[in-house]
C-alpha atoms as a PDB file:
ATOM      1  CA  UNK A   1       3.556  25.573   2.712  1.00  0.00           C
ATOM      2  CA  UNK A   2       0.101  27.325   2.675  1.00  0.00           C
ATOM      3  CA  UNK A   3      -1.602  27.723   0.440  1.00  0.00           C
ATOM      4  CA  UNK A   4      -6.114  28.674   2.163  1.00  0.00           C
ATOM      5  CA  UNK A   5      -7.106  26.010   3.758  1.00  0.00           C
ATOM      6  CA  UNK A   6      -4.708  23.526   1.779  1.00  0.00           C
ATOM      7  CA  UNK A   7      -0.973  22.120   2.388  1.00  0.00           C
ATOM      8  CA  UNK A   8       1.687  20.537   0.718  1.00  0.00           C
ATOM      9  CA  UNK A   9       5.243  18.459   1.974  1.00  0.00           C
ATOM     10  CA  UNK A  10       8.129  19.514  -1.135  1.00  0.00           C
ATOM     11  CA  UNK A  11      10.770  16.791  -1.771  1.00  0.00           C
ATOM     12  CA  UNK A  12      12.986  17.942  -4.304  1.00  0.00           C
ATOM     13  CA  UNK A  13      15.240  15.416  -6.408  1.00  0.00           C
ATOM     14  CA  UNK A  14      16.773  14.510  -9.413  1.00  0.00           C
ATOM     15  CA  UNK A  15      13.772  14.671 -11.946  1.00  0.00           C
ATOM     16  CA  UNK A  16      12.671  16.874 -14.393  1.00  0.00           C
ATOM     17  CA  UNK A  17      10.065  18.104 -14.250  1.00  0.00           C
ATOM     18  CA  UNK A  18       6.531  18.561 -11.224  1.00  0.00           C
ATOM     19  CA  UNK A  19       4.394  16.270  -9.484  1.00  0.00           C
ATOM     20  CA  UNK A  20       2.042  16.030  -7.390  1.00  0.00           C
ATOM     21  CA  UNK A  21       0.138  12.800  -5.286  1.00  0.00           C
ATOM     22  CA  UNK A  22      -1.920  12.447  -1.770  1.00  0.00           C
ATOM     23  CA  UNK A  23      -0.728  10.185   0.469  1.00  0.00           C
ATOM     24  CA  UNK A  24      -3.550   7.346   1.832  1.00  0.00           C
ATOM     25  CA  UNK A  25      -3.333   9.331   5.327  1.00  0.00           C
ATOM     26  CA  UNK A  26      -4.239  12.552   2.354  1.00  0.00           C
ATOM     27  CA  UNK A  27      -1.026  14.159   2.971  1.00  0.00           C
ATOM     28  CA  UNK A  28      -0.612  16.286  -0.233  1.00  0.00           C
ATOM     29  CA  UNK A  29       3.265  15.718  -1.465  1.00  0.00           C
ATOM     30  CA  UNK A  30       4.591  17.516  -4.413  1.00  0.00           C
ATOM     31  CA  UNK A  31       8.016  16.885  -6.199  1.00  0.00           C
ATOM     32  CA  UNK A  32      10.515  18.902  -7.726  1.00  0.00           C
ATOM     33  CA  UNK A  33      13.609  19.175  -9.355  1.00  0.00           C
ATOM     34  CA  UNK A  34      16.677  19.759  -7.679  1.00  0.00           C
ATOM     35  CA  UNK A  35      16.843  23.767  -9.218  1.00  0.00           C
ATOM     36  CA  UNK A  36      12.799  24.478  -9.553  1.00  0.00           C
ATOM     37  CA  UNK A  37      11.877  27.897  -7.922  1.00  0.00           C
ATOM     38  CA  UNK A  38       9.895  28.259  -5.107  1.00  0.00           C
ATOM     39  CA  UNK A  39       7.441  30.606  -6.887  1.00  0.00           C
ATOM     40  CA  UNK A  40       7.204  28.080  -9.890  1.00  0.00           C
ATOM     41  CA  UNK A  41       6.260  25.103  -7.197  1.00  0.00           C
ATOM     42  CA  UNK A  42       4.010  27.202  -5.613  1.00  0.00           C
ATOM     43  CA  UNK A  43       1.912  28.307  -8.223  1.00  0.00           C
ATOM     44  CA  UNK A  44       1.950  24.710 -10.027  1.00  0.00           C
ATOM     45  CA  UNK A  45       0.301  24.092  -6.950  1.00  0.00           C
ATOM     46  CA  UNK A  46      -2.424  26.695  -7.166  1.00  0.00           C
ATOM     47  CA  UNK A  47      -3.499  25.578 -10.342  1.00  0.00           C
ATOM     48  CA  UNK A  48      -3.669  22.467  -8.651  1.00  0.00           C
ATOM     49  CA  UNK A  49      -6.175  22.994  -6.060  1.00  0.00           C
ATOM     50  CA  UNK A  50      -9.210  21.948  -8.039  1.00  0.00           C
ATOM     51  CA  UNK A  51      -8.141  18.588  -9.477  1.00  0.00           C
ATOM     52  CA  UNK A  52      -6.854  18.218  -5.090  1.00  0.00           C
ATOM     53  CA  UNK A  53      -9.972  19.206  -3.885  1.00  0.00           C
ATOM     54  CA  UNK A  54     -12.878  16.672  -6.060  1.00  0.00           C
ATOM     55  CA  UNK A  55      -9.326  14.024  -4.926  1.00  0.00           C
ATOM     56  CA  UNK A  56     -10.293  14.395  -1.573  1.00  0.00           C
ATOM     57  CA  UNK A  57     -13.449  14.458  -2.222  1.00  0.00           C
ATOM     58  CA  UNK A  58     -13.455  11.246  -3.757  1.00  0.00           C
ATOM     59  CA  UNK A  59     -12.036   9.729  -0.796  1.00  0.00           C
ATOM     60  CA  UNK A  60     -14.431  10.362   1.605  1.00  0.00           C
ATOM     61  CA  UNK A  61     -16.918   9.422  -0.490  1.00  0.00           C
ATOM     62  CA  UNK A  62     -15.263   5.945  -0.533  1.00  0.00           C
ATOM     63  CA  UNK A  63     -14.250   5.759   3.197  1.00  0.00           C
ATOM     64  CA  UNK A  64     -18.235   6.947   4.040  1.00  0.00           C
ATOM     65  CA  UNK A  65     -19.103   3.512   1.457  1.00  0.00           C
ATOM     66  CA  UNK A  66     -17.286   1.255   3.902  1.00  0.00           C
ATOM     67  CA  UNK A  67     -19.246   0.477   7.126  1.00  0.00           C
ATOM     68  CA  UNK A  68     -17.355  -0.604  10.377  1.00  0.00           C
ATOM     69  CA  UNK A  69     -16.865  -4.240  10.775  1.00  0.00           C
ATOM     70  CA  UNK A  70     -19.130  -7.086  12.343  1.00  0.00           C
ATOM     71  CA  UNK A  71     -17.209  -9.927  12.405  1.00  0.00           C
ATOM     72  CA  UNK A  72     -20.690 -11.785  11.899  1.00  0.00           C
ATOM     73  CA  UNK A  73     -21.561 -15.032   9.833  1.00  0.00           C
ATOM     74  CA  UNK A  74     -21.551 -13.491   6.192  1.00  0.00           C
ATOM     75  CA  UNK A  75     -18.997 -11.023   5.928  1.00  0.00           C
ATOM     76  CA  UNK A  76     -17.294 -11.023   3.727  1.00  0.00           C
ATOM     77  CA  UNK A  77     -13.113 -10.856   4.023  1.00  0.00           C
ATOM     78  CA  UNK A  78     -10.216 -10.135   1.103  1.00  0.00           C
ATOM     79  CA  UNK A  79      -7.199 -12.301   0.753  1.00  0.00           C
ATOM     80  CA  UNK A  80      -5.086 -12.225  -2.175  1.00  0.00           C
ATOM     81  CA  UNK A  81      -7.731 -10.416  -4.171  1.00  0.00           C
ATOM     82  CA  UNK A  82     -10.353 -12.679  -3.182  1.00  0.00           C
ATOM     83  CA  UNK A  83     -13.748 -12.320  -1.011  1.00  0.00           C
ATOM     84  CA  UNK A  84     -13.976 -15.461   1.918  1.00  0.00           C
ATOM     85  CA  UNK A  85     -17.917 -15.316   3.645  1.00  0.00           C
ATOM     86  CA  UNK A  86     -17.140 -15.146   7.613  1.00  0.00           C
ATOM     87  CA  UNK A  87     -19.018 -18.011   9.435  1.00  0.00           C
ATOM     88  CA  UNK A  88     -18.376 -17.808  12.906  1.00  0.00           C
ATOM     89  CA  UNK A  89     -17.934 -21.402  14.661  1.00  0.00           C
ATOM     90  CA  UNK A  90     -17.751 -23.693  17.256  1.00  0.00           C
ATOM     91  CA  UNK A  91     -13.679 -25.678  16.308  1.00  0.00           C
ATOM     92  CA  UNK A  92     -10.642 -24.464  18.477  1.00  0.00           C
ATOM     93  CA  UNK A  93      -8.154 -22.181  16.516  1.00  0.00           C
ATOM     94  CA  UNK A  94      -8.776 -19.018  16.501  1.00  0.00           C
ATOM     95  CA  UNK A  95      -8.572 -18.169  13.242  1.00  0.00           C
ATOM     96  CA  UNK A  96      -8.720 -20.169   9.996  1.00  0.00           C
ATOM     97  CA  UNK A  97      -9.428 -20.303   6.026  1.00  0.00           C
ATOM     98  CA  UNK A  98     -11.236 -23.664   5.563  1.00  0.00           C
ATOM     99  CA  UNK A  99     -13.123 -24.666   1.783  1.00  0.00           C
ATOM    100  CA  UNK A 100     -13.713 -21.786   0.920  1.00  0.00           C
ATOM    101  CA  UNK A 101     -14.454 -19.318   4.215  1.00  0.00           C
ATOM    102  CA  UNK A 102     -13.432 -17.754   6.736  1.00  0.00           C
ATOM    103  CA  UNK A 103     -13.881 -19.366   9.992  1.00  0.00           C
ATOM    104  CA  UNK A 104     -14.545 -17.364  13.072  1.00  0.00           C
ATOM    105  CA  UNK A 105     -14.140 -18.977  16.974  1.00  0.00           C
ATOM    106  CA  UNK A 106     -16.585 -17.745  18.711  1.00  0.00           C
ATOM    107  CA  UNK A 107     -14.708 -17.360  21.353  1.00  0.00           C
ATOM    108  CA  UNK A 108     -13.207 -15.192  19.742  1.00  0.00           C
ATOM    109  CA  UNK A 109     -16.019 -13.099  17.648  1.00  0.00           C
ATOM    110  CA  UNK A 110     -15.488  -9.760  20.105  1.00  0.00           C
ATOM    111  CA  UNK A 111     -11.952  -9.607  19.216  1.00  0.00           C
ATOM    112  CA  UNK A 112     -12.453 -10.077  15.535  1.00  0.00           C
ATOM    113  CA  UNK A 113     -10.600  -7.672  14.414  1.00  0.00           C
ATOM    114  CA  UNK A 114      -7.412  -8.390  16.259  1.00  0.00           C
ATOM    115  CA  UNK A 115      -7.719 -11.897  15.440  1.00  0.00           C
ATOM    116  CA  UNK A 116      -7.401 -11.285  11.871  1.00  0.00           C
ATOM    117  CA  UNK A 117      -4.769  -8.653  11.913  1.00  0.00           C
ATOM    118  CA  UNK A 118      -2.573 -11.564  13.776  1.00  0.00           C
ATOM    119  CA  UNK A 119      -4.141 -14.591  11.023  1.00  0.00           C
ATOM    120  CA  UNK A 120      -3.250 -11.545   8.383  1.00  0.00           C
ATOM    121  CA  UNK A 121       0.094 -11.096   9.451  1.00  0.00           C
ATOM    122  CA  UNK A 122       1.258 -14.729   9.864  1.00  0.00           C
ATOM    123  CA  UNK A 123       0.196 -15.885   6.857  1.00  0.00           C
ATOM    124  CA  UNK A 124       1.571 -12.440   4.782  1.00  0.00           C
ATOM    125  CA  UNK A 125       6.090 -12.496   5.785  1.00  0.00           C
ATOM    126  CA  UNK A 126       5.598 -16.581   4.418  1.00  0.00           C
ATOM    127  CA  UNK A 127       4.109 -14.845   0.990  1.00  0.00           C
ATOM    128  CA  UNK A 128       6.076 -11.799   1.207  1.00  0.00           C
ATOM    129  CA  UNK A 129       9.666 -14.090   1.637  1.00  0.00           C
ATOM    130  CA  UNK A 130       8.436 -15.972  -1.536  1.00  0.00           C
ATOM    131  CA  UNK A 131       7.643 -12.881  -3.588  1.00  0.00           C
ATOM    132  CA  UNK A 132      10.971 -11.135  -2.363  1.00  0.00           C
ATOM    133  CA  UNK A 133      12.733 -14.446  -3.162  1.00  0.00           C
ATOM    134  CA  UNK A 134      12.021 -14.566  -7.082  1.00  0.00           C
ATOM    135  CA  UNK A 135      12.571 -11.334  -7.792  1.00  0.00           C
ATOM    136  CA  UNK A 136      15.765 -10.226  -5.891  1.00  0.00           C
ATOM    137  CA  UNK A 137      17.550 -12.054  -7.839  1.00  0.00           C
ATOM    138  CA  UNK A 138      16.189 -10.577 -10.855  1.00  0.00           C
ATOM    139  CA  UNK A 139      16.976  -7.252 -10.136  1.00  0.00           C
ATOM    140  CA  UNK A 140      20.491  -8.446  -8.494  1.00  0.00           C
ATOM    141  CA  UNK A 141      19.999  -6.814  -5.034  1.00  0.00           C
ATOM    142  CA  UNK A 142      19.732  -8.899  -1.349  1.00  0.00           C
ATOM    143  CA  UNK A 143      18.112  -7.247   1.566  1.00  0.00           C
ATOM    144  CA  UNK A 144      19.668  -7.208   4.395  1.00  0.00           C
ATOM    145  CA  UNK A 145      16.066  -8.137   6.166  1.00  0.00           C
ATOM    146  CA  UNK A 146      12.681  -8.520   5.709  1.00  0.00           C
ATOM    147  CA  UNK A 147       9.990  -7.544   8.112  1.00  0.00           C
ATOM    148  CA  UNK A 148       6.100  -7.493   7.800  1.00  0.00           C
ATOM    149  CA  UNK A 149       4.491  -4.438   9.742  1.00  0.00           C
ATOM    150  CA  UNK A 150       1.828  -1.978  10.024  1.00  0.00           C
ATOM    151  CA  UNK A 151       2.829   0.718   8.289  1.00  0.00           C
ATOM    152  CA  UNK A 152      -0.361   3.400   8.999  1.00  0.00           C
ATOM    153  CA  UNK A 153      -0.686   5.222   5.680  1.00  0.00           C
ATOM    154  CA  UNK A 154       2.636   3.721   3.304  1.00  0.00           C
ATOM    155  CA  UNK A 155       2.718   0.226   2.334  1.00  0.00           C
ATOM    156  CA  UNK A 156       5.986  -0.038   1.811  1.00  0.00           C
ATOM    157  CA  UNK A 157       9.440   1.109   3.128  1.00  0.00           C
ATOM    158  CA  UNK A 158      13.483   0.374   2.485  1.00  0.00           C
ATOM    159  CA  UNK A 159      15.228   1.443   5.371  1.00  0.00           C
ATOM    160  CA  UNK A 160      19.122   2.668   4.600  1.00  0.00           C
ATOM    161  CA  UNK A 161      19.971  -0.451   5.587  1.00  0.00           C
ATOM    162  CA  UNK A 162      18.826  -2.351   3.342  1.00  0.00           C
ATOM    163  CA  UNK A 163      15.668  -3.736   5.376  1.00  0.00           C
ATOM    164  CA  UNK A 164      12.390  -4.101   3.262  1.00  0.00           C
ATOM    165  CA  UNK A 165       9.020  -3.379   5.642  1.00  0.00           C
ATOM    166  CA  UNK A 166       6.377  -4.423   4.037  1.00  0.00           C
ATOM    167  CA  UNK A 167       2.169  -3.549   5.144  1.00  0.00           C
ATOM    168  CA  UNK A 168       0.640  -6.429   6.507  1.00  0.00           C
ATOM    169  CA  UNK A 169      -2.387  -5.835   4.331  1.00  0.00           C
ATOM    170  CA  UNK A 170      -0.799  -6.039   0.925  1.00  0.00           C
ATOM    171  CA  UNK A 171      -1.890  -9.468   1.281  1.00  0.00           C
ATOM    172  CA  UNK A 172      -5.681  -8.475   1.029  1.00  0.00           C
ATOM    173  CA  UNK A 173      -4.661  -7.241  -2.599  1.00  0.00           C
ATOM    174  CA  UNK A 174      -4.024  -9.953  -5.748  1.00  0.00           C
ATOM    175  CA  UNK A 175      -0.694 -11.743  -6.149  1.00  0.00           C
ATOM    176  CA  UNK A 176       0.065  -8.942  -8.738  1.00  0.00           C
ATOM    177  CA  UNK A 177      -0.705  -6.079  -6.481  1.00  0.00           C
ATOM    178  CA  UNK A 178       1.933  -7.791  -4.123  1.00  0.00           C
ATOM    179  CA  UNK A 179       4.602  -8.181  -6.243  1.00  0.00           C
ATOM    180  CA  UNK A 180       4.242  -4.976  -7.497  1.00  0.00           C
ATOM    181  CA  UNK A 181       4.791  -3.755  -4.043  1.00  0.00           C
ATOM    182  CA  UNK A 182       7.840  -5.928  -3.414  1.00  0.00           C
ATOM    183  CA  UNK A 183       9.519  -5.039  -6.610  1.00  0.00           C
ATOM    184  CA  UNK A 184       8.905  -1.531  -5.580  1.00  0.00           C
ATOM    185  CA  UNK A 185      10.792  -2.184  -2.627  1.00  0.00           C
ATOM    186  CA  UNK A 186      13.383  -4.069  -4.229  1.00  0.00           C
ATOM    187  CA  UNK A 187      14.759  -1.356  -6.637  1.00  0.00           C
ATOM    188  CA  UNK A 188      15.166   1.125  -3.474  1.00  0.00           C
ATOM    189  CA  UNK A 189      18.056  -0.957  -3.159  1.00  0.00           C
ATOM    190  CA  UNK A 190      19.426   0.500  -6.164  1.00  0.00           C
ATOM    191  CA  UNK A 191      17.988   3.325  -6.245  1.00  0.00           C
ATOM    192  CA  UNK A 192      16.921   5.594  -3.904  1.00  0.00           C
ATOM    193  CA  UNK A 193      14.439   7.915  -4.920  1.00  0.00           C
ATOM    194  CA  UNK A 194      11.441   7.891  -6.956  1.00  0.00           C
ATOM    195  CA  UNK A 195      14.011   8.966 -10.433  1.00  0.00           C
ATOM    196  CA  UNK A 196      13.345   8.278 -14.278  1.00  0.00           C
ATOM    197  CA  UNK A 197      16.312   6.008 -13.589  1.00  0.00           C
ATOM    198  CA  UNK A 198      14.169   3.832 -10.867  1.00  0.00           C
ATOM    199  CA  UNK A 199      10.444   3.517 -12.949  1.00  0.00           C
ATOM    200  CA  UNK A 200      12.987   2.152 -15.956  1.00  0.00           C
ATOM    201  CA  UNK A 201      14.129  -0.264 -13.504  1.00  0.00           C
ATOM    202  CA  UNK A 202      10.460  -0.787 -12.698  1.00  0.00           C
ATOM    203  CA  UNK A 203       9.828  -1.350 -15.593  1.00  0.00           C
ATOM    204  CA  UNK A 204      12.123  -4.138 -17.117  1.00  0.00           C
ATOM    205  CA  UNK A 205      11.074  -6.413 -14.434  1.00  0.00           C
ATOM    206  CA  UNK A 206       6.943  -5.584 -14.376  1.00  0.00           C
ATOM    207  CA  UNK A 207       6.014  -3.856 -18.237  1.00  0.00           C
ATOM    208  CA  UNK A 208       2.642  -3.612 -16.591  1.00  0.00           C
ATOM    209  CA  UNK A 209       3.501  -1.584 -13.743  1.00  0.00           C
ATOM    210  CA  UNK A 210       1.596   1.479 -14.316  1.00  0.00           C
ATOM    211  CA  UNK A 211      -1.314  -0.913 -13.877  1.00  0.00           C
ATOM    212  CA  UNK A 212      -0.202  -2.189 -11.317  1.00  0.00           C
ATOM    213  CA  UNK A 213       0.464   1.425  -9.602  1.00  0.00           C
ATOM    214  CA  UNK A 214      -2.659   2.721 -10.176  1.00  0.00           C
ATOM    215  CA  UNK A 215      -5.136  -0.307  -9.392  1.00  0.00           C
ATOM    216  CA  UNK A 216      -3.262   0.241  -5.927  1.00  0.00           C
ATOM    217  CA  UNK A 217      -3.917   3.816  -5.941  1.00  0.00           C
ATOM    218  CA  UNK A 218      -7.841   2.835  -6.765  1.00  0.00           C
ATOM    219  CA  UNK A 219      -8.409   0.418  -4.364  1.00  0.00           C
ATOM    220  CA  UNK A 220      -6.207   0.155  -1.859  1.00  0.00           C
ATOM    221  CA  UNK A 221      -8.535   2.101   0.408  1.00  0.00           C
ATOM    222  CA  UNK A 222     -10.827  -0.649   0.917  1.00  0.00           C
ATOM    223  CA  UNK A 223      -8.541  -2.485   2.590  1.00  0.00           C
ATOM    224  CA  UNK A 224      -9.990  -1.839   6.184  1.00  0.00           C
ATOM    225  CA  UNK A 225     -11.016  -4.868   8.146  1.00  0.00           C
END
C-alpha cells in the first residue's frame, strides 16, 4: 500500500486501536481492527509519516556507527549482555570463552564470523531449553519442539504446529531479554495474535515486559558480529 516513497503491510486482528511499528528489516507494519475502514488506516499512516522518517533515519545512524568486525585482538563480542575481548591464540579449540576472554584459534581467524556464529548457535540451544522449561510450566503450555535458527530480522516465531523458533542472536542480549523472547513465543501457544489478551498474559509472567520489549527495540540493531 503506497504512500509516496513509503509502503506498509496491513495486519488486521481483534485489537481495538490502530498501531504502527518498524521491523528490524525496515518493513513498516500497520495493525488495525478487523472492521477499520481502509481510508482511516491510510489517514493514520499519513499522519505517522514524519515519525517513520525520523525512526528510519535513527536506524541508519546506528548502522553507520557499526564498523564491520575484523576478528583481531582486543575486539569486543557480546554474550548474555556482557562484552568479552577477543584474544587470538594457538590453542586448538576453534573458539572458547575462557577467563573472561573469547579465545579464537589463529587457524580460524580468517573465518572468524563463521566460527563465532557456530559457537553462539551451539551455546544458545541449551540456554533456551532451560528457559523454556521454567516458563512453560508457569504458562501451562508445551511446545512441540524448540529450535535455534537464523531468523533474519525476527527474534522468534511460533509455528502452527507448536514449534518455538528462537534466533541465535538472542543470547547476545542479557538473560532478561532472552526470557522476554522465550515468554513471548510461549504465550503465542495460548494466544496466536498480539491481542490485548496476549499482552495481559505477558504481564502476568513478566510484569516489566514493556521495558524489556523497548530495550530490545532500541538495542537489537547493535547485535552484529
